[in-house]
Amino acid sequence: MPALKIHRLEPGDLTGACRWDAFVQDCPEGTFFHRAAWLLVIGKVFNHPTHYLYAERDGAMVGVLPLAQVRSRLFGHSLVSLPFATVAGIAATDEEARLALQNEAASLARTLGVDHLEMRNATVQQPWPTQDLYVDFRMPIPSVLDERMLAIPQKRRNMVRKAIKLGLRAVPDDKVARFFPVFARNARDHGTPTLSRDYFEALVAHFGRDCRILSIDNAQGHCISSIMCFFHRGVVMAYYAGETPEARGTAANDLKYWEVMRFAQAAGCTEFDIGRSKQGTGSYEFKRLWGFKPHQLHYQYLLLRRSTVPQNNPTNPKYRLLIATWQRLPMPLANWMGPRIVRSLG
């Protein structure tokens, strides 16, 4: 068998990026978060050093591993595949390529002096400590309208009908101008630092028609709920969302997810991924009650300069006071401070 070599994809290497994306498109383990454009988004918006490794044999790519180095005084120093992604990790066609990329990542982590290497896997891939806090939710999208409506529980169907009777309607948005204020307000209300508007604009710019925004307007034409979705190989991912207090009393969120399903089916999608949630949270229950099936995610860690798996998430009790304080911040201050903090969380 020809020798296997590990290379790096550098920013600005357009030919290499096209080869990388062609591999991701064809590899069963390739996801939206493996795409080469994330190298540019993460590097430009967050200023994180990126290390995009790929395995090559006889001139053909046989594996990829996107990594970003995240350094924070608050949350430590890590090498992650991949910040701001539900899943990433190694996508490979054979075990030799997978093991070579894993070893290269471990060597890189030691060279960089990080506290830990984190692989966000959909399945267990490494013999490392694992955190099983998150699950992903998916359901098939029936091709017939009546079947799609019957695919969701009756209570959710009634909520969709309620929203329509109240005059709510779905509006596709090609810019983030209406999405961002709703998303940022929702993040503040949940005590979570918001991502920057620049980040969302970069996603739209780099992913084009594979990154869409759908908003729900009330009868007066005001946006009360909005969602950014990613499209990849017949799957629509409802990834970033927000709503106003008005949305909660008008079933806007139920209409939003119904309209995403309807829009995605028209675009040729056959599966709806409603995103990850932490077990035991309100969003977990909402997705479950909508009929989505949970799939366990396995975030695995090579611990180098720490002895325990990091717990940098809102369920950690030590963040309760910070969350309560953040919920009381004025929006201009939250929007200014949020991106400076969240860049180190990912």
Protein backbone atom coordinates (compact mmCIF):
# COMPACT_ATOMS: atom_id res chain seq x y z
CA MET A 1 0.00 0.00 0.00
CA PRO A 2 1.35 3.50 -0.84
CA ALA A 3 2.67 5.55 2.08
CA LEU A 4 0.30 7.82 3.98
CA LYS A 5 1.26 11.47 4.46
CA ILE A 6 -0.22 14.19 6.66
CA HIS A 7 -0.50 17.72 5.25
CA ARG A 8 -2.04 21.03 6.31
CA LEU A 9 -4.58 23.12 4.46
CA GLU A 10 -3.54 26.77 4.61
CA PRO A 11 -5.83 29.82 4.35
CA GLY A 12 -5.81 31.07 0.78
CA ASP A 13 -5.16 27.65 -0.77
CA LEU A 14 -8.25 27.62 -2.99
CA THR A 15 -7.28 24.47 -4.85
CA GLY A 16 -6.67 22.65 -1.59
CA ALA A 17 -9.98 23.92 -0.17
CA CYS A 18 -11.85 22.58 -3.21
CA ARG A 19 -10.18 19.18 -2.80
CA TRP A 20 -10.97 19.22 0.92
CA ASP A 21 -14.65 20.03 0.33
CA ALA A 22 -14.95 17.40 -2.39
CA PHE A 23 -13.67 14.81 0.08
CA VAL A 24 -16.07 16.01 2.81
CA GLN A 25 -18.97 15.81 0.36
CA ASP A 26 -18.16 12.21 -0.55
CA CYS A 27 -17.02 10.87 2.84
CA PRO A 28 -19.90 9.37 4.89
CA GLU A 29 -18.40 10.91 8.05
CA GLY A 30 -18.11 14.39 6.52
CA THR A 31 -20.42 17.03 8.01
CA PHE A 32 -21.23 20.67 7.39
CA PHE A 33 -18.70 21.53 10.10
CA HIS A 34 -15.89 19.79 8.24
CA ARG A 35 -16.16 22.24 5.34
CA ALA A 36 -13.08 24.28 4.55
CA ALA A 37 -14.83 27.66 4.89
CA TRP A 38 -14.87 27.25 8.67
CA LEU A 39 -11.10 27.73 8.57
CA LEU A 40 -11.68 31.26 7.27
CA VAL A 41 -14.65 32.04 9.53
CA ILE A 42 -12.94 30.93 12.74
CA GLY A 43 -9.64 32.54 11.83
CA LYS A 44 -11.12 35.86 10.72
CA VAL A 45 -13.94 36.39 13.22
CA PHE A 46 -12.40 34.88 16.36
CA ASN A 47 -8.71 35.17 15.52
CA HIS A 48 -8.12 31.57 16.61
CA PRO A 49 -5.12 29.84 15.00
CA THR A 50 -6.41 27.01 12.79
CA HIS A 51 -4.75 23.69 11.97
CA TYR A 52 -6.56 21.88 9.17
CA LEU A 53 -4.92 18.46 8.81
CA TYR A 54 -5.54 16.01 6.01
CA ALA A 55 -4.23 12.55 5.20
CA GLU A 56 -3.20 11.76 1.64
CA ARG A 57 -2.32 8.47 0.01
CA ASP A 58 -1.13 8.16 -3.59
CA GLY A 59 -2.32 11.70 -4.34
CA ALA A 60 -5.84 11.21 -2.94
CA MET A 61 -7.29 12.57 0.30
CA VAL A 62 -8.34 9.81 2.67
CA GLY A 63 -9.06 11.79 5.84
CA VAL A 64 -9.50 15.30 7.25
CA LEU A 65 -9.38 16.82 10.73
CA PRO A 66 -10.22 20.52 11.29
CA LEU A 67 -8.72 21.97 14.50
CA ALA A 68 -8.63 25.38 16.14
CA GLN A 69 -6.51 26.55 19.04
CA VAL A 70 -8.49 28.40 21.72
CA ARG A 71 -6.66 30.30 24.44
CA SER A 72 -8.51 31.92 27.34
CA ARG A 73 -7.58 33.24 30.78
CA LEU A 74 -11.01 32.17 32.01
CA PHE A 75 -11.43 28.78 30.35
CA GLY A 76 -7.91 27.55 29.65
CA HIS A 77 -5.93 26.60 26.55
CA SER A 78 -7.29 23.95 24.20
CA LEU A 79 -7.11 22.45 20.74
CA VAL A 80 -10.64 21.71 19.53
CA SER A 81 -12.33 20.01 16.60
CA LEU A 82 -14.21 22.24 16.25
CA PRO A 83 -15.26 25.37 18.18
CA PHE A 84 -18.89 26.40 17.55
CA ALA A 85 -19.65 23.01 15.96
CA THR A 86 -22.03 20.30 17.11
CA VAL A 87 -19.77 17.62 15.68
CA ALA A 88 -16.49 17.51 13.78
CA GLY A 89 -13.54 15.32 14.69
CA ILE A 90 -11.90 12.99 12.17
CA ALA A 91 -13.63 12.12 8.89
CA ALA A 92 -11.71 9.31 7.19
CA THR A 93 -12.14 6.47 4.74
CA ASP A 94 -10.00 3.94 6.62
CA GLU A 95 -8.51 3.24 10.03
CA GLU A 96 -4.92 3.92 9.01
CA ALA A 97 -5.85 7.49 8.03
CA ARG A 98 -7.92 7.93 11.19
CA LEU A 99 -5.11 6.79 13.47
CA ALA A 100 -2.52 8.90 11.63
CA LEU A 101 -4.64 12.04 12.00
CA GLN A 102 -5.33 11.26 15.67
CA ASN A 103 -1.62 10.84 16.38
CA GLU A 104 -0.75 14.02 14.49
CA ALA A 105 -3.36 15.97 16.46
CA ALA A 106 -2.04 14.60 19.76
CA SER A 107 1.51 15.53 18.77
CA LEU A 108 0.38 19.02 17.76
CA ALA A 109 -1.48 19.46 21.05
CA ARG A 110 1.67 18.62 23.01
CA THR A 111 3.79 20.95 20.85
CA LEU A 112 1.34 23.83 21.39
CA GLY A 113 1.27 23.19 25.14
CA VAL A 114 -2.52 23.07 25.40
CA ASP A 115 -4.37 21.82 28.46
CA HIS A 116 -6.40 19.35 26.43
CA LEU A 117 -7.36 18.18 22.96
CA GLU A 118 -11.12 17.97 22.35
CA MET A 119 -12.77 15.88 19.64
CA ARG A 120 -16.49 16.49 19.13
CA ASN A 121 -17.56 13.09 17.86
CA ALA A 122 -20.90 11.64 16.86
CA THR A 123 -19.59 8.21 17.86
CA VAL A 124 -16.88 7.05 20.24
CA GLN A 125 -13.61 7.15 18.30
CA GLN A 126 -10.79 7.55 20.82
CA PRO A 127 -9.91 5.63 24.03
CA TRP A 128 -10.10 8.92 25.96
CA PRO A 129 -12.34 10.36 28.69
CA THR A 130 -15.76 11.19 27.25
CA GLN A 131 -18.41 13.78 28.10
CA ASP A 132 -21.94 12.70 27.18
CA LEU A 133 -23.75 15.92 28.14
CA TYR A 134 -25.07 16.75 24.67
CA VAL A 135 -27.49 15.02 22.33
CA ASP A 136 -28.42 15.81 18.75
CA PHE A 137 -32.05 15.64 17.55
CA ARG A 138 -33.17 14.46 14.12
CA MET A 139 -36.26 13.32 12.24
CA PRO A 140 -37.00 12.35 8.63
CA ILE A 141 -38.93 14.83 6.47
CA PRO A 142 -41.88 13.16 4.68
CA SER A 143 -42.31 14.28 1.07
CA VAL A 144 -46.10 14.68 1.30
CA LEU A 145 -47.56 17.71 3.14
CA ASP A 146 -50.20 15.75 5.07
CA GLU A 147 -47.60 13.19 6.12
CA ARG A 148 -45.31 15.97 7.34
CA MET A 149 -48.09 17.38 9.49
CA LEU A 150 -48.88 13.93 10.89
CA ALA A 151 -45.17 13.36 11.61
CA ILE A 152 -45.35 15.86 14.48
CA PRO A 153 -47.40 15.30 17.67
CA GLN A 154 -50.98 16.60 17.76
CA LYS A 155 -50.26 19.27 20.38
CA ARG A 156 -47.54 20.76 18.17
CA ARG A 157 -49.90 20.65 15.16
CA ASN A 158 -52.45 22.60 17.17
CA MET A 159 -49.81 25.18 18.08
CA VAL A 160 -48.87 25.60 14.41
CA ARG A 161 -52.53 26.20 13.55
CA LYS A 162 -52.81 28.69 16.43
CA ALA A 163 -49.88 30.71 15.09
CA ILE A 164 -51.38 30.80 11.61
CA LYS A 165 -54.77 31.97 12.98
CA LEU A 166 -52.98 34.78 14.84
CA GLY A 167 -51.66 36.07 11.53
CA LEU A 168 -48.04 34.96 11.94
CA ARG A 169 -46.15 34.22 8.74
CA ALA A 170 -42.73 32.96 7.67
CA VAL A 171 -40.39 35.32 5.81
CA PRO A 172 -37.07 34.21 4.25
CA ASP A 173 -34.28 36.69 5.05
CA ASP A 174 -31.06 36.90 3.04
CA LYS A 175 -29.31 39.15 5.56
CA VAL A 176 -28.76 39.06 9.33
CA ALA A 177 -30.26 42.51 10.01
CA ARG A 178 -33.53 41.17 11.44
CA PHE A 179 -32.15 37.90 12.77
CA PHE A 180 -29.36 39.29 14.95
CA PRO A 181 -31.34 41.55 17.36
CA VAL A 182 -33.75 38.68 18.10
CA PHE A 183 -30.91 36.19 18.59
CA ALA A 184 -28.89 38.55 20.80
CA ARG A 185 -31.89 39.45 22.97
CA ASN A 186 -32.69 35.78 23.46
CA ALA A 187 -29.09 34.97 24.40
CA ARG A 188 -29.04 37.78 26.99
CA ASP A 189 -32.36 36.63 28.46
CA HIS A 190 -30.91 33.14 28.94
CA GLY A 191 -27.78 34.54 30.59
CA THR A 192 -25.55 33.56 27.67
CA PRO A 193 -22.95 35.83 26.02
CA THR A 194 -23.96 36.46 22.42
CA LEU A 195 -21.92 35.80 19.32
CA SER A 196 -21.10 38.84 17.21
CA ARG A 197 -23.06 40.10 14.24
CA ASP A 198 -19.82 39.85 12.24
CA TYR A 199 -19.84 36.09 12.83
CA PHE A 200 -23.29 35.61 11.35
CA GLU A 201 -22.49 37.86 8.41
CA ALA A 202 -19.37 35.76 7.77
CA LEU A 203 -21.44 32.57 7.77
CA VAL A 204 -23.83 33.99 5.19
CA ALA A 205 -20.94 35.28 3.07
CA HIS A 206 -18.89 32.07 3.10
CA PHE A 207 -21.63 29.44 2.87
CA GLY A 208 -24.01 31.21 0.51
CA ARG A 209 -27.24 29.32 -0.17
CA ASP A 210 -26.22 26.60 2.28
CA CYS A 211 -26.80 29.12 5.09
CA ARG A 212 -30.36 30.47 5.20
CA ILE A 213 -32.37 32.59 7.61
CA LEU A 214 -36.10 32.19 8.16
CA SER A 215 -38.00 34.67 10.31
CA ILE A 216 -41.51 34.67 11.75
CA ASP A 217 -43.35 37.98 11.57
CA ASN A 218 -46.42 38.91 13.60
CA ALA A 219 -49.56 40.37 12.05
CA GLN A 220 -47.96 43.84 12.16
CA GLY A 221 -44.92 42.68 10.19
CA HIS A 222 -42.47 42.70 13.12
CA CYS A 223 -39.94 39.87 13.46
CA ILE A 224 -40.64 37.97 16.68
CA SER A 225 -38.70 34.76 16.01
CA SER A 226 -35.84 33.89 13.66
CA ILE A 227 -33.57 30.99 12.82
CA MET A 228 -30.37 30.40 10.86
CA CYS A 229 -30.17 27.01 9.15
CA PHE A 230 -27.36 25.10 7.46
CA PHE A 231 -27.85 22.73 4.52
CA HIS A 232 -25.60 19.75 3.80
CA ARG A 233 -26.20 16.61 1.75
CA GLY A 234 -29.98 16.57 2.09
CA VAL A 235 -30.03 17.54 5.77
CA VAL A 236 -31.28 20.87 7.09
CA MET A 237 -29.76 21.92 10.44
CA ALA A 238 -31.69 24.45 12.50
CA TYR A 239 -28.63 25.86 14.23
CA TYR A 240 -28.95 29.39 15.65
CA ALA A 241 -32.33 30.68 16.82
CA GLY A 242 -33.90 33.37 18.92
CA GLU A 243 -37.29 34.74 19.82
CA THR A 244 -38.88 37.69 21.59
CA PRO A 245 -41.18 37.37 24.63
CA GLU A 246 -44.15 37.85 22.27
CA ALA A 247 -43.18 34.68 20.41
CA ARG A 248 -43.73 32.51 23.47
CA GLY A 249 -47.42 33.40 23.70
CA THR A 250 -48.20 33.10 20.01
CA ALA A 251 -46.71 29.67 19.16
CA ALA A 252 -44.19 31.39 16.89
CA ASN A 253 -41.50 28.81 17.61
CA ASP A 254 -43.76 25.93 16.58
CA LEU A 255 -44.59 27.71 13.35
CA LYS A 256 -40.90 28.44 12.83
CA TYR A 257 -39.85 24.79 12.95
CA TRP A 258 -42.82 23.72 10.83
CA GLU A 259 -41.89 26.29 8.18
CA VAL A 260 -38.23 25.19 8.26
CA MET A 261 -39.40 21.64 7.58
CA ARG A 262 -41.67 22.81 4.75
CA PHE A 263 -38.99 25.03 3.21
CA ALA A 264 -36.33 22.32 3.50
CA GLN A 265 -38.50 19.67 1.86
CA ALA A 266 -39.07 22.01 -1.09
CA ALA A 267 -35.28 22.39 -1.32
CA GLY A 268 -34.84 18.62 -1.55
CA CYS A 269 -33.97 17.81 2.07
CA THR A 270 -35.01 14.47 3.54
CA GLU A 271 -33.85 14.93 7.15
CA PHE A 272 -34.32 17.64 9.78
CA ASP A 273 -31.55 18.14 12.37
CA ILE A 274 -32.85 20.50 15.04
CA GLY A 275 -29.46 20.84 16.73
CA ARG A 276 -27.87 19.79 19.98
CA SER A 277 -29.20 20.30 23.48
CA LYS A 278 -27.94 19.56 26.94
CA GLN A 279 -29.80 16.72 28.63
CA GLY A 280 -32.31 17.84 31.24
CA THR A 281 -32.87 21.32 29.78
CA GLY A 282 -35.99 23.04 28.46
CA SER A 283 -34.77 22.94 24.88
CA TYR A 284 -34.20 19.19 25.20
CA GLU A 285 -37.81 18.68 26.27
CA PHE A 286 -39.19 20.99 23.56
CA LYS A 287 -37.40 19.04 20.83
CA ARG A 288 -38.46 15.71 22.28
CA LEU A 289 -42.10 16.82 22.46
CA TRP A 290 -41.87 17.83 18.80
CA GLY A 291 -41.13 14.21 17.95
CA PHE A 292 -37.39 14.50 17.31
CA LYS A 293 -35.29 11.51 18.35
CA PRO A 294 -32.19 12.18 20.51
CA HIS A 295 -28.81 10.83 19.41
CA GLN A 296 -25.99 10.83 21.95
CA LEU A 297 -22.93 12.92 21.10
CA HIS A 298 -19.54 11.90 22.45
CA TYR A 299 -17.08 14.72 23.15
CA GLN A 300 -13.73 13.09 23.87
CA TYR A 301 -10.67 14.59 25.54
CA LEU A 302 -6.97 13.91 25.56
CA LEU A 303 -6.05 15.42 28.93
CA LEU A 304 -2.53 16.86 28.93
CA ARG A 305 -2.20 19.63 31.52
CA ARG A 306 -5.42 18.98 33.39
CA SER A 307 -6.81 15.91 35.15
CA THR A 308 -10.55 16.27 34.52
CA VAL A 309 -12.84 16.88 31.57
CA PRO A 310 -13.68 20.63 31.30
CA GLN A 311 -17.18 21.75 32.27
CA ASN A 312 -17.46 25.10 30.50
CA ASN A 313 -21.23 25.04 30.07
CA PRO A 314 -24.24 26.77 31.69
CA THR A 315 -25.23 23.67 33.66
CA ASN A 316 -22.10 24.03 35.78
CA PRO A 317 -23.28 25.38 39.19
CA LYS A 318 -20.30 27.73 39.48
CA TYR A 319 -21.72 29.85 36.64
CA ARG A 320 -25.17 30.43 38.19
CA LEU A 321 -24.33 33.86 39.61
CA LEU A 322 -22.70 34.95 36.36
CA ILE A 323 -25.75 33.83 34.39
CA ALA A 324 -28.12 35.71 36.69
CA THR A 325 -25.97 38.84 36.42
CA TRP A 326 -25.79 38.60 32.63
CA GLN A 327 -29.58 38.41 32.35
CA ARG A 328 -29.80 41.89 33.89
CA LEU A 329 -27.32 43.58 31.55
CA PRO A 330 -28.55 46.32 29.19
CA MET A 331 -28.57 45.05 25.61
CA PRO A 332 -25.86 47.45 24.31
CA LEU A 333 -23.48 46.29 27.05
CA ALA A 334 -24.35 42.61 26.53
CA ASN A 335 -23.77 42.94 22.78
CA TRP A 336 -20.40 44.60 23.37
CA MET A 337 -19.14 42.21 26.04
CA GLY A 338 -20.66 39.00 24.73
CA PRO A 339 -18.46 38.39 21.67
CA ARG A 340 -15.32 39.05 23.72
CA ILE A 341 -16.27 36.25 26.12
CA VAL A 342 -17.95 33.71 23.86
CA ARG A 343 -14.99 33.53 21.46
CA SER A 344 -13.21 31.55 24.18
CA LEU A 345 -16.14 29.21 24.83
CA GLY A 346 -17.01 27.83 21.40
